Protein backbone atom coordinates (compact mmCIF):
# COMPACT_ATOMS: atom_id res chain seq x y z
CA MET A 1 18.85 4.05 16.77
CA ILE A 2 16.58 6.00 14.97
CA SER A 3 15.80 9.51 15.58
CA LYS A 4 12.25 11.19 16.00
CA ASN A 5 12.36 13.19 12.83
CA LYS A 6 13.09 10.12 11.31
CA GLY A 7 10.25 8.09 13.11
CA VAL A 8 7.88 10.56 11.77
CA THR A 9 9.08 10.09 8.12
CA MET A 10 8.80 6.48 8.27
CA PHE A 11 5.17 6.89 9.55
CA LYS A 12 4.28 9.35 6.73
CA THR A 13 5.93 6.51 4.37
CA THR A 14 3.61 4.17 5.72
CA THR A 15 0.61 6.58 5.56
CA VAL A 16 1.38 7.34 1.90
CA PHE A 17 2.00 4.11 1.04
CA PHE A 18 -1.43 2.87 2.44
CA ALA A 19 -3.37 6.31 0.83
CA ILE A 20 -1.87 4.63 -2.67
CA SER A 21 -2.89 1.67 -2.02
CA VAL A 22 -6.35 2.31 -0.91
CA PHE A 23 -6.25 4.53 -4.36
CA CYS A 24 -5.74 1.69 -6.21
CA PHE A 25 -8.57 -0.68 -5.21
CA VAL A 26 -10.81 1.92 -5.33
CA ILE A 27 -9.89 3.59 -8.54
CA LYS A 28 -9.89 -0.77 -10.19
CA ALA A 29 -13.38 -0.84 -8.31
CA LEU A 30 -15.18 2.48 -10.10
CA ILE A 31 -13.65 0.89 -13.42
CA PRO A 32 -16.27 -0.65 -15.39
CA THR A 33 -15.17 -4.61 -16.80
CA THR A 34 -16.89 -5.47 -20.00
CA VAL A 35 -16.98 -8.79 -21.76
CA ASP A 36 -16.55 -8.87 -25.56
CA SER A 37 -18.59 -10.80 -28.12
CA ASN A 38 -16.03 -13.26 -28.18
CA GLY A 39 -16.21 -13.93 -24.69
CA PHE A 40 -12.94 -12.00 -23.52
CA LEU A 41 -13.04 -10.31 -20.15
CA ASN A 42 -11.40 -6.73 -20.89
CA GLU A 43 -10.08 -5.44 -17.77
CA PRO A 44 -8.19 -2.20 -18.47
CA PHE A 45 -6.82 -1.13 -15.34
CA PHE A 46 -6.26 -5.10 -13.89
CA PHE A 47 -2.54 -3.67 -13.11
CA LEU A 48 -4.12 -2.11 -10.29
CA ILE A 49 -4.68 -4.93 -8.60
CA PRO A 50 -0.94 -6.00 -8.13
CA MET A 51 0.07 -2.54 -7.39
CA GLY A 52 -2.59 -2.09 -4.85
CA TYR A 53 -1.39 -5.34 -2.66
CA LEU A 54 2.46 -3.90 -3.53
CA PHE A 55 1.68 -0.94 -1.76
CA LEU A 56 -0.40 -2.45 0.79
CA PHE A 57 2.52 -4.89 1.49
CA LEU A 58 5.32 -2.29 1.81
CA SER A 59 3.22 0.44 4.42
CA LEU A 60 2.60 -2.94 6.66
CA LEU A 61 6.28 -3.84 6.31
CA ILE A 62 7.36 -0.09 7.02
CA GLY A 63 5.00 0.05 9.53
CA VAL A 64 6.02 -2.93 11.48
CA LEU A 65 9.39 -2.14 11.18
CA THR A 66 9.19 1.16 12.65
CA LEU A 67 6.99 -0.24 15.61
CA VAL A 68 9.66 -2.87 16.09
CA ILE A 69 12.55 -0.50 16.77
CA LYS A 70 10.16 1.80 18.40
CA LEU A 71 9.64 -0.70 21.11
CA THR A 72 12.97 -2.29 21.51
CA LYS A 73 14.23 1.17 21.56
CA LYS A 74 12.15 1.77 24.62
CA ILE A 75 13.14 -1.65 26.11
CA ASN A 76 16.84 -0.63 26.16
């Protein structure tokens, strides 16, 4: 059902998505946020938070699907 090369490719994809997710969260944590004189919060890289969660979700989804496919292949 799933070839060995495709399994390795899916593992690499999962690892890359997870690394991008960690990178987004680390960069967001390192960039300072400021409050201006009017009381507005300035977060220049706020978009990294949803992107980090998106890549984390994708890595978990692909990882779980790869695991399920491998387990069902071993059972059959």
